[in-house]
Amino acid sequence: MLETDYKPTIGLEIHCELKTNSKMFCSCKNDPNEKEPNKNICPICSGHPGTLPTINQEAVQKVIKAGLSLNCEIAHDSKFDRKNYFYPDLPKGYQISQYDQPLCQNGYIVIDGNKIRIKRIHLEEDTGRIQHDKDSSLIDYNRAGMPLMELVTEPDIFNAQLAKKFGQELQLIFRYLGISDADMEKGQMRVEVNISLSKTNELGTKVEVKNISSFNFVAMAIDYEITRQAEILDRGEKIVQETRGWDSIKNITVSQRIKEGESDYRYFPEPDLPPLKISQEEIREIESQIPELPQAKRDRFIGEYNLTDKEIEVFIIDKQISEYFEKICSELMAWAQDEKLEQDYLKMAKLAANYILTDYRGIYVAKGIDDKDYPITPENFAELVKMIYKGEISSKIAKIVLLEMFETKGDPSTIIKEKGLEQISDSSQIESIAKIVVEKNSKAVADYKKGQVNSAQFLVGQLMKESKGAASPEIAKEIINKILSEIE
């Protein structure tokens, strides 16, 4: 945390593009991945005179879903307003937004014990993309008119890391709800920071920072602004209320323009759209569609599985892999109940998590695969975990089998049989291998006799290597220790 004599007061404005089939006020395709400029446009979203907008009901429902998930009050009466501004990224010369009657108000979420209040969530249309070249500016209106949700917090955030965590948690919630992919790198989620400094309880002069493309940059921009504003105040100068941009190359904020006030936008009710009436029945129906959210899932995983906080957080962040893990655990629980081994279930769940988060994910990384289609079925993965837990195969063999399962989609029992990977449990066979290992590693034997007990484990490792991982590790350890104890 950055040290300063001033009290930072931080609020966030977060814009998030919604996943809908069509744009906010017309039937044009809502496709954030469209590469061809100005393909998904029509007379309505390109601002032709005489055209009339219509409200995208799916977008309204998704904002309400977000509001319910963030403990907001949902408005029964809402409306759209015109926000007048003169930039070329919306050809109408105004933006259809919401001003004094947003869909959602007075919500909150708790981050690390800190209650961050949400002032409002409203719905509006996104703007086009402007590309500035050396001698000209080009505009792509494909994004103009896309449904855009704006969330505004109260100034409850007091440091950079809390702001970063808040943004990350919101991103997770939006993804769990399925209302947006919320990818910051693609501009689907944009964070703007409002920050002021003061030595009293009164708020200082607010500065807004835009153009922040990652949560790490959110934290860096806040820390930079705290330092910059503190230095200005220490010189006895005044902070200018302005909009600044984040320069991710130089890691500084730069002045863009003097901040507009609400009066500059000349809001008035949108005359071409009717007021929104939202019934309690509609709200209840939307609420029934809300899935288990990240914090509830954390709490459940803590109670249900024998996992570390770090492991749980990986599963929370990657919803797909957590669902895969739980399907495997369901198979393990059924097997444990059949075998009257319920007391071993948590150990097997822990083992499954370890193999998923290390070896299985490692295969994806090694092969450079991003799309997780999980070729190993939960049933087969659970069977492999059972075999490892029961000591039927060693960890080395397990890694070989796991890779083969990934590549062939086969079941572990068949792979082990076909590849001749069955575990050697015959003591006399393992003892024969052990004697060869001891004979080859006389120095390790001598070190053991000098009191270096780790040498025994080294010899066990050599035995496993000699048997290509097929020897039972427990029996191997037993026999090595027995041989060493008999050597004078």
Protein backbone atom coordinates (compact mmCIF):
# COMPACT_ATOMS: atom_id res chain seq x y z
CA MET A 1 0.00 0.00 0.00
CA LEU A 2 1.31 3.43 -0.98
CA GLU A 3 2.17 5.58 2.08
CA THR A 4 0.93 9.18 2.09
CA ASP A 5 -0.16 11.86 4.55
CA TYR A 6 -3.31 12.39 2.48
CA LYS A 7 -6.47 10.33 2.56
CA PRO A 8 -7.28 8.94 -0.90
CA THR A 9 -10.95 8.74 -1.82
CA ILE A 10 -11.58 6.51 -4.81
CA GLY A 11 -14.67 5.66 -6.80
CA LEU A 12 -14.94 3.57 -9.95
CA GLU A 13 -17.06 3.82 -13.08
CA ILE A 14 -17.15 0.48 -14.86
CA HIS A 15 -18.55 0.00 -18.35
CA CYS A 16 -19.33 -3.51 -19.53
CA GLU A 17 -20.54 -4.60 -22.97
CA LEU A 18 -23.44 -7.03 -22.70
CA LYS A 19 -23.71 -10.31 -24.59
CA THR A 20 -26.90 -9.98 -26.65
CA ASN A 21 -27.80 -11.03 -30.18
CA SER A 22 -28.54 -7.50 -31.36
CA LYS A 23 -27.58 -3.95 -30.48
CA MET A 24 -29.34 -1.84 -27.87
CA PHE A 25 -31.81 0.06 -30.00
CA CYS A 26 -31.77 -1.66 -33.40
CA SER A 27 -31.62 -5.15 -34.93
CA CYS A 28 -27.95 -4.94 -36.03
CA LYS A 29 -25.79 -7.86 -34.94
CA ASN A 30 -23.96 -7.33 -31.63
CA ASP A 31 -20.58 -8.80 -32.54
CA PRO A 32 -17.57 -7.38 -30.68
CA ASN A 33 -15.23 -9.62 -32.71
CA GLU A 34 -16.23 -8.28 -36.13
CA LYS A 35 -13.06 -7.23 -37.97
CA GLU A 36 -14.59 -5.56 -41.02
CA PRO A 37 -15.25 -1.88 -40.20
CA ASN A 38 -18.81 -0.54 -40.43
CA LYS A 39 -20.36 -3.88 -41.33
CA ASN A 40 -22.92 -4.15 -38.52
CA ILE A 41 -24.64 -0.78 -38.94
CA CYS A 42 -28.06 0.46 -40.05
CA PRO A 43 -29.90 3.79 -40.37
CA ILE A 44 -30.82 3.68 -36.67
CA CYS A 45 -27.36 3.16 -35.14
CA SER A 46 -25.73 5.39 -37.73
CA GLY A 47 -28.03 8.26 -36.82
CA HIS A 48 -30.11 8.79 -39.96
CA PRO A 49 -32.88 11.40 -39.56
CA GLY A 50 -36.36 10.07 -39.00
CA THR A 51 -35.33 6.66 -37.61
CA LEU A 52 -36.79 5.37 -34.34
CA PRO A 53 -35.04 3.20 -31.72
CA THR A 54 -36.57 0.20 -29.93
CA ILE A 55 -35.49 -1.18 -26.55
CA ASN A 56 -33.53 -4.45 -26.37
CA GLN A 57 -35.43 -6.41 -23.71
CA GLU A 58 -32.62 -8.95 -23.26
CA ALA A 59 -30.19 -6.17 -22.33
CA VAL A 60 -32.63 -4.77 -19.76
CA GLN A 61 -33.01 -8.22 -18.17
CA LYS A 62 -29.24 -8.71 -18.00
CA VAL A 63 -28.71 -5.41 -16.20
CA ILE A 64 -31.43 -6.35 -13.71
CA LYS A 65 -29.72 -9.72 -13.21
CA ALA A 66 -26.45 -7.92 -12.45
CA GLY A 67 -28.22 -5.58 -10.04
CA LEU A 68 -29.87 -8.44 -8.14
CA SER A 69 -26.51 -10.20 -7.86
CA LEU A 70 -24.98 -7.03 -6.40
CA ASN A 71 -27.69 -6.49 -3.78
CA CYS A 72 -29.25 -3.54 -5.63
CA GLU A 73 -32.75 -2.13 -5.45
CA ILE A 74 -34.46 -2.69 -8.81
CA ALA A 75 -36.56 0.14 -10.18
CA HIS A 76 -40.17 -0.63 -11.06
CA ASP A 77 -40.27 2.62 -13.06
CA SER A 78 -37.32 3.56 -15.23
CA LYS A 79 -36.65 5.49 -18.44
CA PHE A 80 -34.01 6.44 -20.98
CA ASP A 81 -32.54 9.92 -21.42
CA ARG A 82 -30.59 11.82 -24.06
CA LYS A 83 -27.06 12.74 -23.09
CA ASN A 84 -25.96 15.45 -25.52
CA TYR A 85 -22.33 15.62 -26.54
CA PHE A 86 -20.56 16.42 -29.75
CA TYR A 87 -18.05 13.71 -30.58
CA PRO A 88 -18.04 11.77 -33.86
CA ASP A 89 -18.12 8.34 -32.19
CA LEU A 90 -21.96 8.54 -32.07
CA PRO A 91 -23.28 10.07 -35.29
CA LYS A 92 -26.60 11.17 -33.72
CA GLY A 93 -24.81 13.90 -31.74
CA TYR A 94 -26.16 12.39 -28.51
CA GLN A 95 -26.11 9.14 -26.55
CA ILE A 96 -29.19 7.33 -25.29
CA SER A 97 -28.43 6.63 -21.63
CA GLN A 98 -30.15 6.77 -18.24
CA TYR A 99 -29.91 9.74 -15.90
CA ASP A 100 -32.23 10.09 -12.89
CA GLN A 101 -34.09 6.77 -13.07
CA PRO A 102 -31.47 3.99 -13.48
CA LEU A 103 -32.51 0.36 -13.49
CA CYS A 104 -30.53 -0.48 -10.32
CA GLN A 105 -29.47 1.53 -7.26
CA ASN A 106 -28.03 1.21 -3.75
CA GLY A 107 -26.20 -2.11 -4.00
CA TYR A 108 -22.94 -3.39 -2.54
CA ILE A 109 -20.40 -6.19 -2.44
CA VAL A 110 -17.89 -7.03 0.27
CA ILE A 111 -14.19 -7.31 -0.62
CA ASP A 112 -11.77 -8.46 2.11
CA GLY A 113 -14.24 -7.31 4.76
CA ASN A 114 -14.75 -3.89 3.12
CA LYS A 115 -18.26 -3.00 2.00
CA ILE A 116 -18.09 -1.25 -1.37
CA ARG A 117 -21.39 0.46 -2.09
CA ILE A 118 -22.75 0.60 -5.62
CA LYS A 119 -24.52 3.87 -6.32
CA ARG A 120 -26.21 2.86 -9.53
CA ILE A 121 -26.20 0.56 -12.55
CA HIS A 122 -27.73 1.85 -15.74
CA LEU A 123 -28.03 0.88 -19.38
CA GLU A 124 -26.90 2.86 -22.39
CA GLU A 125 -25.50 2.47 -25.90
CA ASP A 126 -21.79 2.13 -26.57
CA THR A 127 -19.83 4.45 -28.85
CA GLY A 128 -17.91 3.72 -32.04
CA ARG A 129 -14.16 3.22 -32.20
CA ILE A 130 -11.97 6.07 -33.41
CA GLN A 131 -8.58 5.30 -34.93
CA HIS A 132 -6.28 8.31 -35.10
CA ASP A 133 -3.65 8.24 -37.83
CA LYS A 134 -1.01 10.87 -38.50
CA ASP A 135 -3.13 13.01 -40.80
CA SER A 136 -6.65 11.69 -40.29
CA SER A 137 -9.09 9.91 -37.97
CA LEU A 138 -11.13 6.87 -38.96
CA ILE A 139 -14.33 5.69 -37.26
CA ASP A 140 -15.72 2.18 -37.02
CA TYR A 141 -19.40 2.23 -36.01
CA ASN A 142 -19.73 -1.54 -35.48
CA ARG A 143 -19.55 -0.96 -31.72
CA ALA A 144 -21.82 2.11 -31.79
CA GLY A 145 -25.16 1.15 -30.29
CA MET A 146 -24.01 -2.03 -28.54
CA PRO A 147 -25.71 -2.50 -25.13
CA LEU A 148 -23.43 -1.04 -22.48
CA MET A 149 -23.94 -1.41 -18.75
CA GLU A 150 -22.42 1.29 -16.55
CA LEU A 151 -21.82 0.69 -12.85
CA VAL A 152 -20.87 3.55 -10.53
CA THR A 153 -19.54 2.96 -7.02
CA GLU A 154 -19.71 5.26 -4.04
CA PRO A 155 -16.27 6.66 -3.04
CA ASP A 156 -15.68 3.77 -0.61
CA ILE A 157 -12.34 2.58 -1.99
CA PHE A 158 -9.20 3.78 -0.21
CA ASN A 159 -6.25 2.11 -1.95
CA ALA A 160 -5.13 0.66 -5.27
CA GLN A 161 -5.29 -3.02 -4.33
CA LEU A 162 -8.87 -2.78 -3.08
CA ALA A 163 -9.87 -1.15 -6.38
CA LYS A 164 -8.13 -3.92 -8.31
CA LYS A 165 -9.83 -6.68 -6.29
CA PHE A 166 -13.22 -5.02 -6.66
CA GLY A 167 -12.83 -4.93 -10.45
CA GLN A 168 -11.68 -8.55 -10.59
CA GLU A 169 -14.63 -9.71 -8.47
CA LEU A 170 -17.09 -7.82 -10.70
CA GLN A 171 -15.54 -9.43 -13.76
CA LEU A 172 -16.05 -12.86 -12.22
CA ILE A 173 -19.65 -12.10 -11.30
CA PHE A 174 -20.47 -10.89 -14.82
CA ARG A 175 -18.93 -14.04 -16.29
CA TYR A 176 -20.77 -16.33 -13.87
CA LEU A 177 -24.03 -14.60 -14.81
CA GLY A 178 -23.20 -15.02 -18.51
CA ILE A 179 -24.08 -11.38 -19.22
CA SER A 180 -20.63 -10.48 -20.59
CA ASP A 181 -17.20 -11.96 -21.29
CA ALA A 182 -15.88 -8.78 -19.60
CA ASP A 183 -12.49 -9.07 -21.32
CA MET A 184 -10.56 -5.88 -20.56
CA GLU A 185 -8.00 -6.45 -23.31
CA LYS A 186 -10.82 -6.50 -25.88
CA GLY A 187 -12.50 -3.44 -24.39
CA GLN A 188 -15.53 -5.42 -23.23
CA MET A 189 -14.98 -4.11 -19.71
CA ARG A 190 -13.53 -0.65 -19.12
CA VAL A 191 -12.62 0.85 -15.78
CA GLU A 192 -12.45 4.57 -15.08
CA VAL A 193 -11.06 5.81 -11.78
CA ASN A 194 -12.22 8.89 -9.90
CA ILE A 195 -9.71 9.88 -7.23
CA SER A 196 -9.17 12.79 -4.87
CA LEU A 197 -6.88 13.47 -1.91
CA SER A 198 -7.58 15.31 1.32
CA LYS A 199 -6.23 15.61 4.86
CA THR A 200 -9.74 16.13 6.23
CA ASN A 201 -13.01 14.24 5.92
CA GLU A 202 -14.07 16.61 3.15
CA LEU A 203 -13.57 15.35 -0.39
CA GLY A 204 -10.77 16.87 -2.44
CA THR A 205 -10.94 17.85 -6.12
CA LYS A 206 -11.84 14.84 -8.23
CA VAL A 207 -9.70 13.69 -11.14
CA GLU A 208 -10.94 11.05 -13.57
CA VAL A 209 -8.54 8.58 -15.20
CA LYS A 210 -9.60 6.77 -18.42
CA ASN A 211 -8.05 4.38 -20.96
CA ILE A 212 -7.13 1.72 -18.41
CA SER A 213 -6.91 -1.69 -20.07
CA SER A 214 -6.07 -4.09 -17.20
CA PHE A 215 -6.58 -4.45 -13.46
CA ASN A 216 -2.85 -4.13 -12.87
CA PHE A 217 -2.96 -0.79 -14.68
CA VAL A 218 -5.92 0.23 -12.52
CA ALA A 219 -3.74 -0.21 -9.42
CA MET A 220 -0.75 1.49 -11.05
CA ALA A 221 -2.83 4.45 -12.22
CA ILE A 222 -4.24 4.99 -8.73
CA ASP A 223 -0.81 4.85 -7.10
CA TYR A 224 0.56 7.26 -9.69
CA GLU A 225 -2.30 9.72 -9.16
CA ILE A 226 -1.93 9.58 -5.38
CA THR A 227 1.76 10.50 -5.73
CA ARG A 228 1.12 13.16 -8.39
CA GLN A 229 -1.69 14.86 -6.49
CA ALA A 230 0.17 14.70 -3.16
CA GLU A 231 3.17 16.45 -4.72
CA ILE A 232 0.92 19.21 -6.12
CA LEU A 233 -0.78 19.76 -2.76
CA ASP A 234 2.57 19.76 -0.94
CA ARG A 235 3.66 22.63 -3.19
CA GLY A 236 0.60 24.59 -2.07
CA GLU A 237 -1.02 24.34 -5.50
CA LYS A 238 -4.56 23.29 -6.38
CA ILE A 239 -5.68 20.12 -8.16
CA VAL A 240 -7.41 20.76 -11.49
CA GLN A 241 -10.66 18.88 -12.02
CA GLU A 242 -9.95 17.12 -15.28
CA THR A 243 -10.02 13.90 -17.25
CA ARG A 244 -6.66 12.20 -17.60
CA GLY A 245 -5.62 9.15 -19.60
CA TRP A 246 -3.38 6.27 -18.56
CA ASP A 247 -0.23 5.88 -20.64
CA SER A 248 0.66 2.18 -20.31
CA ILE A 249 4.02 2.69 -22.03
CA LYS A 250 5.34 5.35 -19.69
CA ASN A 251 3.16 4.24 -16.73
CA ILE A 252 1.89 7.77 -16.11
CA THR A 253 -1.39 9.65 -16.40
CA VAL A 254 -1.64 12.48 -18.94
CA SER A 255 -4.12 15.35 -19.15
CA GLN A 256 -6.82 14.94 -21.81
CA ARG A 257 -9.45 17.58 -21.16
CA ILE A 258 -11.16 19.62 -18.46
CA LYS A 259 -13.83 17.43 -16.89
CA GLU A 260 -17.40 18.11 -18.01
CA GLY A 261 -20.16 18.52 -15.47
CA GLU A 262 -23.66 17.00 -15.69
CA SER A 263 -25.08 20.32 -16.88
CA ASP A 264 -22.82 20.18 -19.95
CA TYR A 265 -24.64 17.08 -21.17
CA ARG A 266 -28.11 18.72 -21.06
CA TYR A 267 -29.92 15.50 -20.13
CA PHE A 268 -33.62 15.24 -20.94
CA PRO A 269 -36.02 12.26 -21.26
CA GLU A 270 -35.60 10.38 -24.53
CA PRO A 271 -38.72 11.30 -26.53
CA ASP A 272 -38.52 8.32 -28.89
CA LEU A 273 -38.65 5.61 -26.19
CA PRO A 274 -41.48 4.80 -23.75
CA PRO A 275 -40.87 4.62 -19.99
CA LEU A 276 -39.97 1.18 -18.62
CA LYS A 277 -42.38 -0.61 -16.29
CA ILE A 278 -40.86 -3.57 -14.45
CA SER A 279 -43.14 -5.78 -12.37
CA GLN A 280 -42.22 -7.71 -9.25
CA GLU A 281 -43.07 -10.93 -11.12
CA GLU A 282 -40.49 -10.09 -13.80
CA ILE A 283 -37.87 -9.37 -11.14
CA ARG A 284 -38.58 -12.68 -9.39
CA GLU A 285 -38.32 -14.55 -12.70
CA ILE A 286 -34.91 -12.97 -13.43
CA GLU A 287 -33.73 -13.68 -9.87
CA SER A 288 -34.59 -17.37 -10.30
CA GLN A 289 -32.08 -17.53 -13.16
CA ILE A 290 -29.11 -16.35 -11.09
CA PRO A 291 -26.53 -19.16 -10.63
CA GLU A 292 -24.22 -19.70 -7.67
CA LEU A 293 -21.94 -16.66 -7.54
CA PRO A 294 -18.18 -16.55 -6.79
CA GLN A 295 -18.35 -15.73 -3.06
CA ALA A 296 -21.01 -18.34 -2.39
CA LYS A 297 -18.89 -20.85 -4.28
CA ARG A 298 -15.81 -19.96 -2.21
CA ASP A 299 -17.77 -20.50 0.99
CA ARG A 300 -19.08 -23.85 -0.26
CA PHE A 301 -15.68 -25.08 -1.46
CA ILE A 302 -14.17 -24.24 1.93
CA GLY A 303 -16.81 -26.41 3.58
CA GLU A 304 -16.91 -29.28 1.09
CA TYR A 305 -13.34 -29.90 -0.07
CA ASN A 306 -9.99 -30.25 1.62
CA LEU A 307 -8.31 -27.54 -0.49
CA THR A 308 -6.02 -24.58 0.14
CA ASP A 309 -7.21 -21.00 -0.39
CA LYS A 310 -4.94 -20.78 -3.44
CA GLU A 311 -6.43 -23.93 -4.99
CA ILE A 312 -9.97 -22.72 -4.31
CA GLU A 313 -9.26 -19.36 -5.96
CA VAL A 314 -8.02 -21.09 -9.13
CA PHE A 315 -11.31 -22.98 -9.29
CA ILE A 316 -13.33 -19.82 -8.62
CA ILE A 317 -11.57 -17.88 -11.38
CA ASP A 318 -11.93 -20.73 -13.90
CA LYS A 319 -15.62 -21.68 -13.67
CA GLN A 320 -15.27 -24.35 -16.37
CA ILE A 321 -12.50 -26.25 -14.62
CA SER A 322 -14.30 -26.02 -11.27
CA GLU A 323 -17.38 -27.65 -12.77
CA TYR A 324 -15.17 -30.38 -14.22
CA PHE A 325 -13.56 -30.90 -10.79
CA GLU A 326 -16.96 -31.22 -9.11
CA LYS A 327 -18.11 -33.84 -11.63
CA ILE A 328 -14.99 -35.86 -10.79
CA CYS A 329 -15.68 -35.45 -7.07
CA SER A 330 -19.24 -36.67 -7.60
CA GLU A 331 -17.84 -39.87 -9.16
CA LEU A 332 -15.37 -40.26 -6.29
CA MET A 333 -18.10 -39.79 -3.68
CA ALA A 334 -20.28 -42.44 -5.31
CA TRP A 335 -17.34 -44.87 -5.33
CA ALA A 336 -16.41 -44.07 -1.72
CA GLN A 337 -19.98 -44.73 -0.61
CA ASP A 338 -20.12 -48.03 -2.49
CA GLU A 339 -16.83 -49.14 -0.92
CA LYS A 340 -17.80 -47.81 2.55
CA LEU A 341 -14.80 -45.46 2.36
CA GLU A 342 -16.55 -42.11 2.94
CA GLN A 343 -13.78 -41.14 5.37
CA ASP A 344 -11.30 -41.24 2.46
CA TYR A 345 -13.38 -39.04 0.15
CA LEU A 346 -11.74 -35.70 1.08
CA LYS A 347 -8.27 -37.15 0.56
CA MET A 348 -9.28 -38.32 -2.90
CA ALA A 349 -10.85 -34.91 -3.69
CA LYS A 350 -7.58 -33.28 -2.67
CA LEU A 351 -5.65 -35.71 -4.88
CA ALA A 352 -7.97 -34.98 -7.82
CA ALA A 353 -7.47 -31.23 -7.37
CA ASN A 354 -3.69 -31.65 -7.34
CA TYR A 355 -3.66 -33.62 -10.59
CA ILE A 356 -6.11 -31.24 -12.30
CA LEU A 357 -4.27 -28.07 -11.29
CA THR A 358 -0.75 -29.36 -11.91
CA ASP A 359 -0.42 -32.29 -14.32
CA TYR A 360 -3.63 -31.87 -16.34
CA ARG A 361 -3.29 -28.11 -16.74
CA GLY A 362 0.40 -28.69 -17.45
CA ILE A 363 -0.53 -30.76 -20.51
CA TYR A 364 -2.56 -27.85 -21.89
CA VAL A 365 0.30 -25.43 -21.30
CA ALA A 366 2.88 -27.77 -22.88
CA LYS A 367 0.71 -28.25 -25.95
CA GLY A 368 -0.21 -24.56 -26.18
CA ILE A 369 -3.93 -25.29 -26.04
CA ASP A 370 -6.24 -22.53 -24.81
CA ASP A 371 -9.64 -24.11 -25.43
CA LYS A 372 -10.39 -26.60 -22.64
CA ASP A 373 -12.63 -29.25 -24.17
CA TYR A 374 -11.52 -31.81 -21.53
CA PRO A 375 -11.08 -34.98 -23.61
CA ILE A 376 -10.80 -37.03 -20.39
CA THR A 377 -14.27 -37.74 -19.06
CA PRO A 378 -14.92 -37.12 -15.33
CA GLU A 379 -15.57 -40.85 -14.93
CA ASN A 380 -12.16 -41.80 -16.36
CA PHE A 381 -10.36 -39.10 -14.40
CA ALA A 382 -12.02 -40.31 -11.19
CA GLU A 383 -10.96 -43.88 -12.00
CA LEU A 384 -7.35 -42.73 -12.40
CA VAL A 385 -7.51 -40.90 -9.04
CA LYS A 386 -8.86 -44.06 -7.37
CA MET A 387 -6.00 -46.12 -8.78
CA ILE A 388 -3.43 -43.61 -7.53
CA TYR A 389 -5.08 -43.38 -4.11
CA LYS A 390 -5.25 -47.17 -3.71
CA GLY A 391 -1.58 -47.46 -4.61
CA GLU A 392 -2.27 -49.47 -7.74
CA ILE A 393 -0.03 -47.18 -9.81
CA SER A 394 2.81 -44.83 -8.90
CA SER A 395 2.77 -41.09 -9.50
CA LYS A 396 5.22 -41.56 -12.37
CA ILE A 397 2.97 -44.08 -14.09
CA ALA A 398 -0.02 -41.86 -13.36
CA LYS A 399 1.56 -39.00 -15.35
CA ILE A 400 2.21 -41.32 -18.31
CA VAL A 401 -1.36 -42.65 -18.20
CA LEU A 402 -2.84 -39.15 -17.86
CA LEU A 403 -1.08 -37.96 -21.01
CA GLU A 404 -2.22 -41.07 -22.90
CA MET A 405 -5.79 -40.51 -21.69
CA PHE A 406 -5.61 -36.94 -22.95
CA GLU A 407 -4.41 -37.99 -26.39
CA THR A 408 -6.59 -41.07 -26.91
CA LYS A 409 -9.63 -40.35 -24.68
CA GLY A 410 -9.15 -43.89 -23.36
CA ASP A 411 -9.88 -45.20 -19.88
CA PRO A 412 -6.92 -45.74 -17.50
CA SER A 413 -7.39 -49.48 -16.94
CA THR A 414 -7.26 -50.26 -20.66
CA ILE A 415 -4.24 -47.98 -21.23
CA ILE A 416 -2.31 -49.53 -18.34
CA LYS A 417 -2.97 -53.04 -19.65
CA GLU A 418 -2.17 -52.23 -23.28
CA LYS A 419 1.03 -50.33 -22.41
CA GLY A 420 2.22 -52.90 -19.89
CA LEU A 421 2.21 -50.32 -17.09
CA GLU A 422 0.81 -52.56 -14.36
CA GLN A 423 2.39 -51.97 -10.99
CA ILE A 424 4.92 -54.50 -9.77
CA SER A 425 3.89 -55.63 -6.29
CA ASP A 426 5.81 -58.88 -6.19
CA SER A 427 8.39 -58.47 -3.39
CA SER A 428 10.91 -60.89 -4.85
CA GLN A 429 10.83 -59.09 -8.22
CA ILE A 430 11.31 -55.70 -6.56
CA GLU A 431 14.08 -57.10 -4.35
CA SER A 432 15.96 -58.27 -7.44
CA ILE A 433 15.81 -54.75 -8.86
CA ALA A 434 16.80 -53.31 -5.46
CA LYS A 435 19.96 -55.40 -5.29
CA ILE A 436 21.03 -54.16 -8.73
CA VAL A 437 20.40 -50.55 -7.66
CA VAL A 438 22.37 -50.96 -4.41
CA GLU A 439 25.25 -52.54 -6.29
CA LYS A 440 25.33 -49.67 -8.84
CA ASN A 441 25.23 -46.95 -6.16
CA SER A 442 27.92 -47.91 -3.66
CA LYS A 443 28.61 -44.26 -2.77
CA ALA A 444 25.00 -43.72 -1.71
CA VAL A 445 25.20 -46.86 0.43
CA ALA A 446 28.42 -45.59 2.06
CA ASP A 447 26.82 -42.20 2.70
CA TYR A 448 23.87 -43.90 4.34
CA LYS A 449 26.20 -45.81 6.66
CA LYS A 450 27.77 -42.43 7.60
CA GLY A 451 24.39 -41.21 8.79
CA GLN A 452 23.10 -39.52 5.64
CA VAL A 453 19.60 -40.99 5.82
CA ASN A 454 18.48 -39.13 2.66
CA SER A 455 20.59 -41.57 0.70
CA ALA A 456 17.95 -44.22 1.31
CA GLN A 457 15.35 -42.09 -0.45
CA PHE A 458 17.80 -41.56 -3.31
CA LEU A 459 18.12 -45.33 -3.71
CA VAL A 460 14.32 -45.70 -3.67
CA GLY A 461 14.19 -43.15 -6.47
CA GLN A 462 16.78 -45.09 -8.44
CA LEU A 463 14.76 -48.27 -7.94
CA MET A 464 11.65 -46.55 -9.29
CA LYS A 465 13.65 -45.30 -12.25
CA GLU A 466 15.06 -48.77 -12.92
CA SER A 467 11.54 -50.24 -12.86
CA LYS A 468 10.26 -47.39 -15.07
CA GLY A 469 7.90 -46.33 -12.30
CA ALA A 470 6.17 -49.69 -12.15
CA ALA A 471 7.38 -50.83 -8.72
CA SER A 472 5.13 -50.22 -5.73
CA PRO A 473 6.74 -47.23 -3.95
CA GLU A 474 5.81 -48.58 -0.51
CA ILE A 475 7.30 -52.01 -1.14
CA ALA A 476 10.36 -50.42 -2.79
CA LYS A 477 11.00 -48.31 0.30
CA GLU A 478 10.56 -51.30 2.58
CA ILE A 479 13.00 -53.46 0.66
CA ILE A 480 15.67 -50.75 0.27
CA ASN A 481 15.57 -50.09 4.02
CA LYS A 482 15.79 -53.84 4.71
CA ILE A 483 18.81 -54.26 2.43
CA LEU A 484 20.58 -51.25 3.92
CA SER A 485 20.01 -52.48 7.46
CA GLU A 486 21.64 -55.80 6.56
CA ILE A 487 24.77 -54.25 5.07
CA GLU A 488 27.64 -54.05 7.56
